[in-house]
Amino acid sequence: MTLVPRSLLWRTVLLLALLLVAGHFAWLQLFRVSEREPRALQVAQEITSVVNLTRSALITADPAKRIDLLRDLAQQEGVQVYLAEPNEPVEPLPDRPFVRMITAELQRRLGADTRLLGTRDGMRGVWVSFRIDDEEFWVRLPRERLERAEQLRWIGWGVLVLALSVIGAFLIVARINRPLRELTRAAEMIGRGRTPPPVGESGPSEIRTLARAFNQMAADLKRLDEDRALLLAGVSHDLRTPLARIRLGVEMLESRADTTLRDGLVQDIEDIDAVINQFLDFARVSSETSIASELDLNELVNSVLERYRRQGKTVGTRLGDVPRLQLRAPAIQRLLTNLIDNALRHGGPGAEVETAAENGRVRLSVLDRGPGIPAAEAERMLQPFTRLNEARSTSGSGLGLAIVDRIARLHHGSVSLRARDGGGLEARVEFPVIQAKN
């Protein structure tokens, strides 16, 4: 598990947020340093004014009314005056640059013997000493006098600006990321053999250029695929007419003709016709437009195997309980036919068809007891016009498994060729249970 997000959107937002936070803290540090001295001078001036006014009031007031005066100062201004006592317990304020600046300014204004304390006789506050003749007094001010409320307000505004900046960065990056998501979905559709609709050419110039190039690439791929399918269909169609005439001529040979030669020619014609059928099947899969519907895979398997039973070919089955899937029936029947024909051709009578639901996917397996395919060659055998000379016959066009792979990808599935336990080959096709919309 990693704390770094995987998506481009959140990685960009995280990077911008880190840059904004670093810039914000640097700004706060500059602000704190730059406003420290002016703020200390302002606080020292306020304290000096309170002390001078208090001392002047005590000096000029009628001694009989000093108690009432001190009471009024305490109630209205929050200023309390105490007479200093010898050896009284005191505690200085924290030794910070801000406090040192205030102390130095107070001593300059009020005298070098002025003291600034945080606690006196167990009472917290801002304690400032002053003298009247030989007597020392303490003025106790509220601790809030030293709090930098203005700075705190600036910090609050800075945090608000930071939050708005992160939100703005998210919206900007999300707007840039939207066409990238569309390009990703379109690329996935091309990977599944489907033609995506054109993506929107909007956003920054670089994104528009990329979208325009992608749309052009998708159109070129579609045109190439259509041209290839048209070429295969045309060649296959044109070959069938002379093949039909050749077959008719062979069958009309006199009975005394060499039957071995005639049977060989008929077999060659049938092989060529089968290759042509594979060309046509490959072209049909490339342009498959049938609508998928919810079908039972086991029913499709049984319908295909019924045709083999009528031909006297036996194929075993082990059909499990599988959910209904969104399938194109003709394409799945073609897929099954290709796999079963391969199994019967190369694996003999031991061919079997299995279905099962495993790990959120439906598995369709066609198994045989033939020589199998080496693991290193399994992926290559799914490519068009590929044949394995050692283990498999060299007849055919090499399109059978390529057609199976295309049909599987058309249904968002996958094909794998595996060694079967006990010898042989397992051609496994897996379909996701949750199908994408058509």
Protein backbone atom coordinates (compact mmCIF):
# COMPACT_ATOMS: atom_id res chain seq x y z
CA MET A 1 0.00 0.00 0.00
CA THR A 2 1.36 3.42 -0.98
CA LEU A 3 0.36 6.85 0.27
CA VAL A 4 1.11 8.42 -3.12
CA PRO A 5 -2.10 8.56 -5.20
CA ARG A 6 -2.05 6.74 -8.51
CA SER A 7 -4.22 9.00 -10.64
CA LEU A 8 -2.78 12.01 -12.45
CA LEU A 9 -5.56 14.19 -11.02
CA TRP A 10 -4.77 13.53 -7.36
CA ARG A 11 -1.00 13.50 -7.87
CA THR A 12 -1.17 16.94 -9.47
CA VAL A 13 -3.53 18.26 -6.78
CA LEU A 14 -1.26 16.85 -4.06
CA LEU A 15 1.82 18.46 -5.63
CA LEU A 16 0.07 21.82 -5.97
CA ALA A 17 -1.24 21.57 -2.41
CA LEU A 18 2.27 20.87 -1.08
CA LEU A 19 3.67 23.83 -3.01
CA LEU A 20 0.89 26.10 -1.72
CA VAL A 21 1.38 24.92 1.87
CA ALA A 22 5.15 25.46 1.64
CA GLY A 23 4.60 28.93 0.17
CA HIS A 24 2.01 29.73 2.83
CA PHE A 25 4.29 28.76 5.70
CA ALA A 26 7.16 30.72 4.16
CA TRP A 27 4.85 33.74 3.93
CA LEU A 28 3.77 33.30 7.56
CA GLN A 29 7.39 33.14 8.67
CA LEU A 30 8.22 36.32 6.78
CA PHE A 31 5.13 38.00 8.19
CA ARG A 32 5.96 36.92 11.74
CA VAL A 33 9.51 38.23 11.51
CA SER A 34 8.60 41.47 9.77
CA GLU A 35 5.76 42.42 12.14
CA ARG A 36 7.48 41.35 15.38
CA GLU A 37 9.33 44.59 16.05
CA PRO A 38 6.47 46.97 15.15
CA ARG A 39 4.07 44.92 17.23
CA ALA A 40 6.48 44.85 20.21
CA LEU A 41 6.89 48.62 20.05
CA GLN A 42 3.10 49.04 19.90
CA VAL A 43 2.54 46.80 22.93
CA ALA A 44 5.35 48.53 24.87
CA GLN A 45 3.84 51.92 24.11
CA GLU A 46 0.40 50.78 25.34
CA ILE A 47 1.89 49.37 28.56
CA THR A 48 3.96 52.54 29.06
CA SER A 49 0.84 54.69 28.71
CA VAL A 50 -1.04 52.55 31.28
CA VAL A 51 1.86 52.66 33.74
CA ASN A 52 2.40 56.43 33.35
CA LEU A 53 -1.30 57.16 33.75
CA THR A 54 -1.52 54.87 36.78
CA ARG A 55 1.54 56.43 38.39
CA SER A 56 0.28 59.95 37.66
CA ALA A 57 -3.12 59.10 39.12
CA LEU A 58 -1.56 57.69 42.27
CA ILE A 59 0.73 60.71 42.67
CA THR A 60 -1.93 63.34 42.12
CA ALA A 61 -4.86 61.61 43.80
CA ASP A 62 -5.99 62.38 47.31
CA PRO A 63 -4.45 59.72 49.54
CA ALA A 64 -7.90 59.09 51.04
CA LYS A 65 -9.31 58.29 47.61
CA ARG A 66 -6.50 56.11 46.28
CA ILE A 67 -8.32 52.89 47.19
CA ASP A 68 -11.42 53.96 45.22
CA LEU A 69 -9.20 54.96 42.33
CA LEU A 70 -7.45 51.59 42.27
CA ARG A 71 -10.85 49.83 42.42
CA ASP A 72 -12.09 51.85 39.43
CA LEU A 73 -8.96 51.04 37.45
CA ALA A 74 -9.41 47.35 38.18
CA GLN A 75 -13.12 47.30 37.22
CA GLN A 76 -13.06 49.56 34.16
CA GLU A 77 -9.60 49.06 32.64
CA GLY A 78 -8.67 45.66 34.02
CA VAL A 79 -5.61 47.26 35.60
CA GLN A 80 -4.63 46.22 39.10
CA VAL A 81 -1.94 47.96 41.19
CA TYR A 82 -0.09 46.24 44.03
CA LEU A 83 2.65 47.35 46.36
CA ALA A 84 5.82 45.36 45.89
CA GLU A 85 6.97 43.18 48.79
CA PRO A 86 10.44 41.91 49.58
CA ASN A 87 11.29 38.35 48.45
CA GLU A 88 7.93 37.83 46.79
CA PRO A 89 7.72 34.79 44.45
CA VAL A 90 7.87 35.87 40.83
CA GLU A 91 8.18 34.12 37.47
CA PRO A 92 9.36 35.84 34.28
CA LEU A 93 7.56 35.66 30.97
CA PRO A 94 8.82 33.12 28.41
CA ASP A 95 12.15 34.11 26.92
CA ARG A 96 11.05 34.89 23.39
CA PRO A 97 12.32 37.55 20.95
CA PHE A 98 8.96 39.32 21.12
CA VAL A 99 9.07 39.52 24.94
CA ARG A 100 12.71 40.66 24.93
CA MET A 101 11.86 43.50 22.55
CA ILE A 102 9.00 44.66 24.80
CA THR A 103 11.18 44.51 27.92
CA ALA A 104 13.97 46.50 26.27
CA GLU A 105 11.53 49.18 25.07
CA LEU A 106 9.84 49.41 28.52
CA GLN A 107 13.21 49.86 30.23
CA ARG A 108 14.10 52.56 27.74
CA ARG A 109 10.82 54.40 28.34
CA LEU A 110 10.24 53.74 32.05
CA GLY A 111 13.73 53.24 33.40
CA ALA A 112 16.43 50.60 33.51
CA ASP A 113 15.01 49.06 36.71
CA THR A 114 11.62 48.25 35.11
CA ARG A 115 10.75 44.56 35.31
CA LEU A 116 8.31 42.51 33.19
CA LEU A 117 6.94 39.32 34.77
CA GLY A 118 4.40 36.62 33.92
CA THR A 119 3.49 35.46 37.44
CA ARG A 120 3.65 37.16 40.83
CA ASP A 121 2.60 35.59 44.05
CA GLY A 122 0.90 32.79 42.09
CA MET A 123 -1.19 35.20 39.99
CA ARG A 124 -0.74 35.06 36.22
CA GLY A 125 -0.84 38.17 34.06
CA VAL A 126 1.46 40.85 32.64
CA TRP A 127 3.22 42.39 35.63
CA VAL A 128 5.11 45.68 35.09
CA SER A 129 7.00 47.41 37.87
CA PHE A 130 7.30 51.17 38.42
CA ARG A 131 8.51 53.38 41.26
CA ILE A 132 7.10 56.34 43.15
CA ASP A 133 9.95 57.80 45.16
CA ASP A 134 11.43 54.85 47.05
CA GLU A 135 8.42 52.57 46.81
CA GLU A 136 8.01 49.95 44.08
CA PHE A 137 4.59 49.08 42.68
CA TRP A 138 3.28 46.45 40.32
CA VAL A 139 0.74 47.05 37.60
CA ARG A 140 -1.05 43.86 36.61
CA LEU A 141 -2.49 43.86 33.09
CA PRO A 142 -4.53 41.15 31.36
CA ARG A 143 -2.42 38.58 29.54
CA GLU A 144 -4.37 39.40 26.36
CA ARG A 145 -2.31 42.58 26.04
CA LEU A 146 0.56 40.47 24.75
CA GLU A 147 -1.52 38.32 22.39
CA ARG A 148 -1.10 39.22 18.80
CA ALA A 149 -4.71 39.13 17.73
CA GLU A 150 -3.97 40.98 14.51
CA GLN A 151 -1.42 38.38 13.52
CA LEU A 152 -3.84 35.57 14.34
CA ARG A 153 -6.41 37.20 12.08
CA TRP A 154 -3.86 37.32 9.29
CA ILE A 155 -3.05 33.65 9.84
CA GLY A 156 -6.76 32.82 9.62
CA TRP A 157 -7.08 34.70 6.36
CA GLY A 158 -4.00 32.92 5.03
CA VAL A 159 -5.47 29.51 5.86
CA LEU A 160 -8.69 30.48 4.08
CA VAL A 161 -6.75 31.59 1.00
CA LEU A 162 -4.78 28.33 1.11
CA ALA A 163 -7.98 26.26 1.22
CA LEU A 164 -9.51 28.20 -1.66
CA SER A 165 -6.30 27.80 -3.66
CA VAL A 166 -6.32 24.01 -3.19
CA ILE A 167 -9.98 23.85 -4.26
CA GLY A 168 -9.22 26.00 -7.29
CA ALA A 169 -6.25 23.78 -8.17
CA PHE A 170 -8.48 20.70 -7.96
CA LEU A 171 -11.07 22.24 -10.29
CA ILE A 172 -8.42 23.31 -12.80
CA VAL A 173 -6.67 19.93 -12.84
CA ALA A 174 -10.02 18.10 -13.00
CA ARG A 175 -10.94 20.13 -16.07
CA ILE A 176 -7.63 19.21 -17.71
CA ASN A 177 -7.96 15.57 -16.63
CA ARG A 178 -11.48 15.13 -18.08
CA PRO A 179 -10.36 14.80 -21.73
CA LEU A 180 -7.57 12.46 -20.61
CA ARG A 181 -10.19 10.15 -19.06
CA GLU A 182 -12.13 10.22 -22.33
CA LEU A 183 -8.95 9.32 -24.21
CA THR A 184 -8.32 6.45 -21.79
CA ARG A 185 -11.81 5.01 -22.29
CA ALA A 186 -11.49 5.34 -26.05
CA ALA A 187 -8.08 3.60 -26.00
CA GLU A 188 -9.57 0.74 -23.97
CA MET A 189 -12.34 0.34 -26.56
CA ILE A 190 -9.74 0.16 -29.35
CA GLY A 191 -7.87 -2.47 -27.31
CA ARG A 192 -11.07 -4.55 -27.20
CA GLY A 193 -11.40 -4.33 -30.97
CA ARG A 194 -14.21 -1.78 -30.99
CA THR A 195 -14.33 1.63 -32.65
CA PRO A 196 -14.89 4.42 -30.08
CA PRO A 197 -16.87 7.57 -30.81
CA PRO A 198 -14.70 10.64 -31.44
CA VAL A 199 -13.41 12.21 -28.23
CA GLY A 200 -14.11 15.87 -27.59
CA GLU A 201 -11.38 18.21 -28.83
CA SER A 202 -11.50 20.73 -25.98
CA GLY A 203 -9.26 22.10 -23.26
CA PRO A 204 -5.71 23.47 -23.57
CA SER A 205 -4.05 23.47 -26.97
CA GLU A 206 -1.85 20.47 -26.10
CA ILE A 207 -4.90 18.41 -25.05
CA ARG A 208 -6.81 19.47 -28.19
CA THR A 209 -3.87 18.45 -30.36
CA LEU A 210 -3.66 15.08 -28.60
CA ALA A 211 -7.42 14.47 -28.95
CA ARG A 212 -7.32 15.45 -32.65
CA ALA A 213 -4.41 13.07 -33.28
CA PHE A 214 -6.18 10.29 -31.38
CA ASN A 215 -9.39 10.75 -33.37
CA GLN A 216 -7.38 10.64 -36.59
CA MET A 217 -5.61 7.47 -35.44
CA ALA A 218 -8.92 5.81 -34.51
CA ALA A 219 -10.41 6.74 -37.91
CA ASP A 220 -7.33 5.38 -39.69
CA LEU A 221 -7.47 2.12 -37.73
CA LYS A 222 -11.16 1.74 -38.52
CA ARG A 223 -10.54 2.35 -42.20
CA LEU A 224 -7.63 -0.12 -42.27
CA ASP A 225 -9.72 -2.74 -40.48
CA GLU A 226 -12.61 -2.23 -42.91
CA ASP A 227 -10.22 -2.40 -45.89
CA ARG A 228 -8.70 -5.62 -44.56
CA ALA A 229 -12.10 -7.18 -43.96
CA LEU A 230 -13.23 -6.10 -47.44
CA LEU A 231 -10.07 -7.53 -48.98
CA LEU A 232 -10.46 -10.87 -47.21
CA ALA A 233 -14.12 -11.10 -48.10
CA GLY A 234 -13.45 -10.16 -51.73
CA VAL A 235 -10.59 -12.61 -52.19
CA SER A 236 -12.56 -15.38 -50.49
CA HIS A 237 -15.60 -14.74 -52.67
CA ASP A 238 -13.58 -14.65 -55.88
CA LEU A 239 -11.81 -17.92 -55.01
CA ARG A 240 -14.99 -19.84 -54.39
CA THR A 241 -16.28 -19.70 -57.96
CA PRO A 242 -13.28 -21.42 -59.60
CA LEU A 243 -13.12 -23.85 -56.70
CA ALA A 244 -16.70 -24.85 -57.32
CA ARG A 245 -15.96 -25.45 -61.02
CA ILE A 246 -12.85 -27.52 -60.16
CA ARG A 247 -14.82 -29.64 -57.71
CA LEU A 248 -17.56 -30.21 -60.25
CA GLY A 249 -14.96 -31.27 -62.83
CA VAL A 250 -13.30 -33.66 -60.40
CA GLU A 251 -16.60 -35.29 -59.50
CA MET A 252 -17.40 -35.72 -63.21
CA LEU A 253 -14.20 -37.68 -63.86
CA GLU A 254 -14.82 -41.10 -65.31
CA SER A 255 -15.19 -43.85 -62.76
CA ARG A 256 -12.12 -45.61 -64.15
CA ALA A 257 -10.01 -42.64 -63.17
CA ASP A 258 -7.58 -42.99 -60.32
CA THR A 259 -9.81 -42.83 -57.23
CA THR A 260 -6.85 -41.98 -54.99
CA LEU A 261 -6.02 -38.95 -57.10
CA ARG A 262 -9.64 -37.90 -57.22
CA ASP A 263 -10.12 -38.25 -53.47
CA GLY A 264 -6.95 -36.26 -52.90
CA LEU A 265 -8.15 -33.47 -55.14
CA VAL A 266 -11.50 -33.40 -53.36
CA GLN A 267 -9.75 -33.21 -50.00
CA ASP A 268 -7.54 -30.37 -51.23
CA ILE A 269 -10.58 -28.48 -52.42
CA GLU A 270 -12.31 -28.99 -49.06
CA ASP A 271 -9.20 -27.73 -47.23
CA ILE A 272 -9.08 -24.62 -49.43
CA ASP A 273 -12.79 -24.07 -48.84
CA ALA A 274 -12.23 -24.37 -45.07
CA VAL A 275 -9.44 -21.79 -45.26
CA ILE A 276 -11.73 -19.45 -47.17
CA ASN A 277 -14.38 -19.93 -44.48
CA GLN A 278 -11.83 -18.94 -41.87
CA PHE A 279 -10.96 -15.80 -43.84
CA LEU A 280 -14.65 -14.93 -43.94
CA ASP A 281 -15.06 -15.64 -40.23
CA PHE A 282 -12.09 -13.40 -39.43
CA ALA A 283 -13.61 -10.61 -41.53
CA ARG A 284 -17.00 -11.05 -39.85
CA VAL A 285 -15.51 -10.78 -36.35
CA SER A 286 -13.74 -7.56 -37.34
CA SER A 287 -17.06 -6.01 -38.32
CA GLU A 288 -19.31 -7.75 -35.75
CA THR A 289 -22.41 -5.62 -35.25
CA SER A 290 -24.87 -8.07 -33.68
CA ILE A 291 -26.50 -6.96 -30.43
CA ALA A 292 -25.54 -8.76 -27.24
CA SER A 293 -28.35 -10.20 -25.18
CA GLU A 294 -28.59 -12.02 -21.87
CA LEU A 295 -27.96 -15.69 -22.64
CA ASP A 296 -27.17 -18.94 -20.86
CA LEU A 297 -23.66 -20.03 -21.81
CA ASN A 298 -24.44 -23.68 -21.07
CA GLU A 299 -27.36 -23.61 -23.50
CA LEU A 300 -25.07 -22.27 -26.21
CA VAL A 301 -22.55 -25.05 -25.49
CA ASN A 302 -25.26 -27.73 -25.73
CA SER A 303 -26.61 -26.29 -29.00
CA VAL A 304 -23.14 -26.41 -30.58
CA LEU A 305 -22.39 -29.92 -29.28
CA GLU A 306 -25.70 -31.18 -30.66
CA ARG A 307 -24.40 -30.59 -34.18
CA TYR A 308 -21.31 -32.65 -33.40
CA ARG A 309 -23.46 -35.48 -32.01
CA ARG A 310 -25.44 -35.61 -35.24
CA GLN A 311 -22.13 -36.02 -37.07
CA GLY A 312 -21.19 -38.92 -34.78
CA LYS A 313 -18.49 -36.96 -32.92
CA THR A 314 -18.35 -37.30 -29.16
CA VAL A 315 -17.35 -34.36 -26.96
CA GLY A 316 -17.52 -34.66 -23.18
CA THR A 317 -19.05 -31.95 -21.00
CA ARG A 318 -18.70 -30.76 -17.44
CA LEU A 319 -21.01 -27.78 -17.22
CA GLY A 320 -21.14 -25.89 -13.96
CA ASP A 321 -23.66 -23.44 -12.56
CA VAL A 322 -22.87 -20.13 -14.29
CA PRO A 323 -24.78 -16.84 -14.37
CA ARG A 324 -26.35 -15.48 -17.52
CA LEU A 325 -24.10 -13.18 -19.53
CA GLN A 326 -24.42 -10.51 -22.17
CA LEU A 327 -23.33 -12.50 -25.25
CA ARG A 328 -23.54 -12.37 -29.04
CA ALA A 329 -24.85 -15.86 -29.85
CA PRO A 330 -23.40 -16.26 -33.40
CA ALA A 331 -19.96 -15.10 -32.28
CA ILE A 332 -19.86 -17.40 -29.22
CA GLN A 333 -21.01 -20.36 -31.35
CA ARG A 334 -18.19 -19.60 -33.81
CA LEU A 335 -15.73 -19.42 -30.89
CA LEU A 336 -16.85 -22.80 -29.57
CA THR A 337 -16.75 -24.39 -33.00
CA ASN A 338 -13.17 -23.27 -33.62
CA LEU A 339 -11.98 -24.54 -30.23
CA ILE A 340 -13.79 -27.88 -30.49
CA ASP A 341 -12.57 -28.44 -34.07
CA ASN A 342 -9.00 -27.83 -32.89
CA ALA A 343 -9.46 -30.23 -29.97
CA LEU A 344 -10.93 -32.99 -32.17
CA ARG A 345 -8.34 -32.47 -34.92
CA HIS A 346 -5.30 -32.52 -32.65
CA GLY A 347 -6.46 -34.22 -29.47
CA GLY A 348 -8.50 -37.18 -30.63
CA PRO A 349 -11.60 -38.44 -28.83
CA GLY A 350 -10.67 -37.03 -25.43
CA ALA A 351 -12.09 -33.56 -26.05
CA GLU A 352 -14.18 -32.00 -23.28
CA VAL A 353 -15.97 -28.70 -22.65
CA GLU A 354 -16.12 -27.23 -19.14
CA THR A 355 -17.89 -24.18 -17.73
CA ALA A 356 -17.57 -22.74 -14.23
CA ALA A 357 -17.93 -19.49 -12.29
CA GLU A 358 -14.70 -18.51 -10.51
CA ASN A 359 -13.62 -15.28 -8.78
CA GLY A 360 -16.24 -13.07 -10.36
CA ARG A 361 -15.63 -14.46 -13.87
CA VAL A 362 -17.17 -17.21 -15.99
CA ARG A 363 -14.71 -19.78 -17.39
CA LEU A 364 -15.23 -21.70 -20.61
CA SER A 365 -12.59 -24.38 -21.23
CA VAL A 366 -12.12 -26.75 -24.17
CA LEU A 367 -9.69 -29.55 -23.29
CA ASP A 368 -7.96 -32.23 -25.33
CA ARG A 369 -5.31 -34.95 -24.88
CA GLY A 370 -3.13 -33.93 -27.81
CA PRO A 371 0.56 -32.96 -27.81
CA GLY A 372 -0.25 -29.52 -26.41
CA ILE A 373 1.52 -26.21 -26.99
CA PRO A 374 4.74 -25.10 -25.26
CA ALA A 375 4.14 -22.33 -22.72
CA ALA A 376 6.59 -20.05 -24.53
CA GLU A 377 4.51 -20.32 -27.72
CA ALA A 378 1.04 -19.95 -26.16
CA GLU A 379 0.78 -16.18 -26.54
CA ARG A 380 2.10 -16.24 -30.11
CA MET A 381 -0.49 -18.80 -31.17
CA LEU A 382 -3.25 -16.24 -30.65
CA GLN A 383 -1.84 -14.05 -33.43
CA PRO A 384 -3.30 -14.29 -36.96
CA PHE A 385 -1.66 -16.64 -39.50
CA THR A 386 0.34 -18.44 -36.80
CA ARG A 387 0.81 -22.21 -36.72
CA LEU A 388 2.91 -24.53 -34.56
CA ASN A 389 4.56 -27.01 -36.85
CA GLU A 390 5.79 -29.54 -34.29
CA ALA A 391 2.72 -30.13 -32.15
CA ARG A 392 -0.08 -29.13 -34.48
CA SER A 393 -0.88 -29.90 -38.08
CA THR A 394 0.38 -27.49 -40.71
CA SER A 395 -2.97 -27.44 -42.49
CA GLY A 396 -5.30 -24.46 -42.18
CA SER A 397 -4.77 -20.72 -42.32
CA GLY A 398 -3.65 -20.11 -38.75
CA LEU A 399 -6.69 -17.92 -38.07
CA GLY A 400 -8.70 -20.22 -35.79
CA LEU A 401 -7.28 -19.11 -32.44
CA ALA A 402 -6.99 -15.49 -33.65
CA ILE A 403 -10.74 -15.54 -34.32
CA VAL A 404 -11.34 -16.98 -30.84
CA ASP A 405 -9.20 -14.21 -29.29
CA ARG A 406 -11.08 -11.48 -31.18
CA ILE A 407 -14.46 -12.83 -30.16
CA ALA A 408 -13.35 -13.06 -26.52
CA ARG A 409 -12.09 -9.46 -26.53
CA LEU A 410 -15.33 -8.38 -28.20
CA HIS A 411 -17.07 -9.67 -25.02
CA HIS A 412 -14.45 -8.03 -22.70
CA GLY A 413 -12.97 -11.46 -22.05
CA SER A 414 -9.55 -13.09 -22.46
CA VAL A 415 -8.08 -16.30 -23.92
CA SER A 416 -5.22 -18.35 -22.52
CA LEU A 417 -3.65 -21.63 -23.66
CA ARG A 418 -2.54 -23.85 -20.77
CA ALA A 419 -1.05 -27.27 -20.29
CA ARG A 420 -3.72 -29.76 -19.14
CA ASP A 421 -3.12 -31.94 -16.10
CA GLY A 422 -2.21 -35.39 -17.33
CA GLY A 423 -1.18 -34.12 -20.78
CA GLY A 424 -2.92 -32.15 -23.47
CA LEU A 425 -4.12 -28.60 -23.90
CA GLU A 426 -6.70 -26.41 -22.16
CA ALA A 427 -7.98 -23.49 -24.22
CA ARG A 428 -9.53 -21.25 -21.55
CA VAL A 429 -11.82 -18.32 -22.27
CA GLU A 430 -12.88 -16.08 -19.34
CA PHE A 431 -15.72 -13.58 -19.37
CA PRO A 432 -16.41 -10.98 -16.66
CA VAL A 433 -19.71 -11.48 -14.87
CA ILE A 434 -20.45 -7.73 -14.87
CA GLN A 435 -20.61 -6.80 -18.50
CA ALA A 436 -19.94 -3.35 -19.91
CA LYS A 437 -22.72 -1.52 -21.73
CA ASN A 438 -22.92 -2.10 -25.46
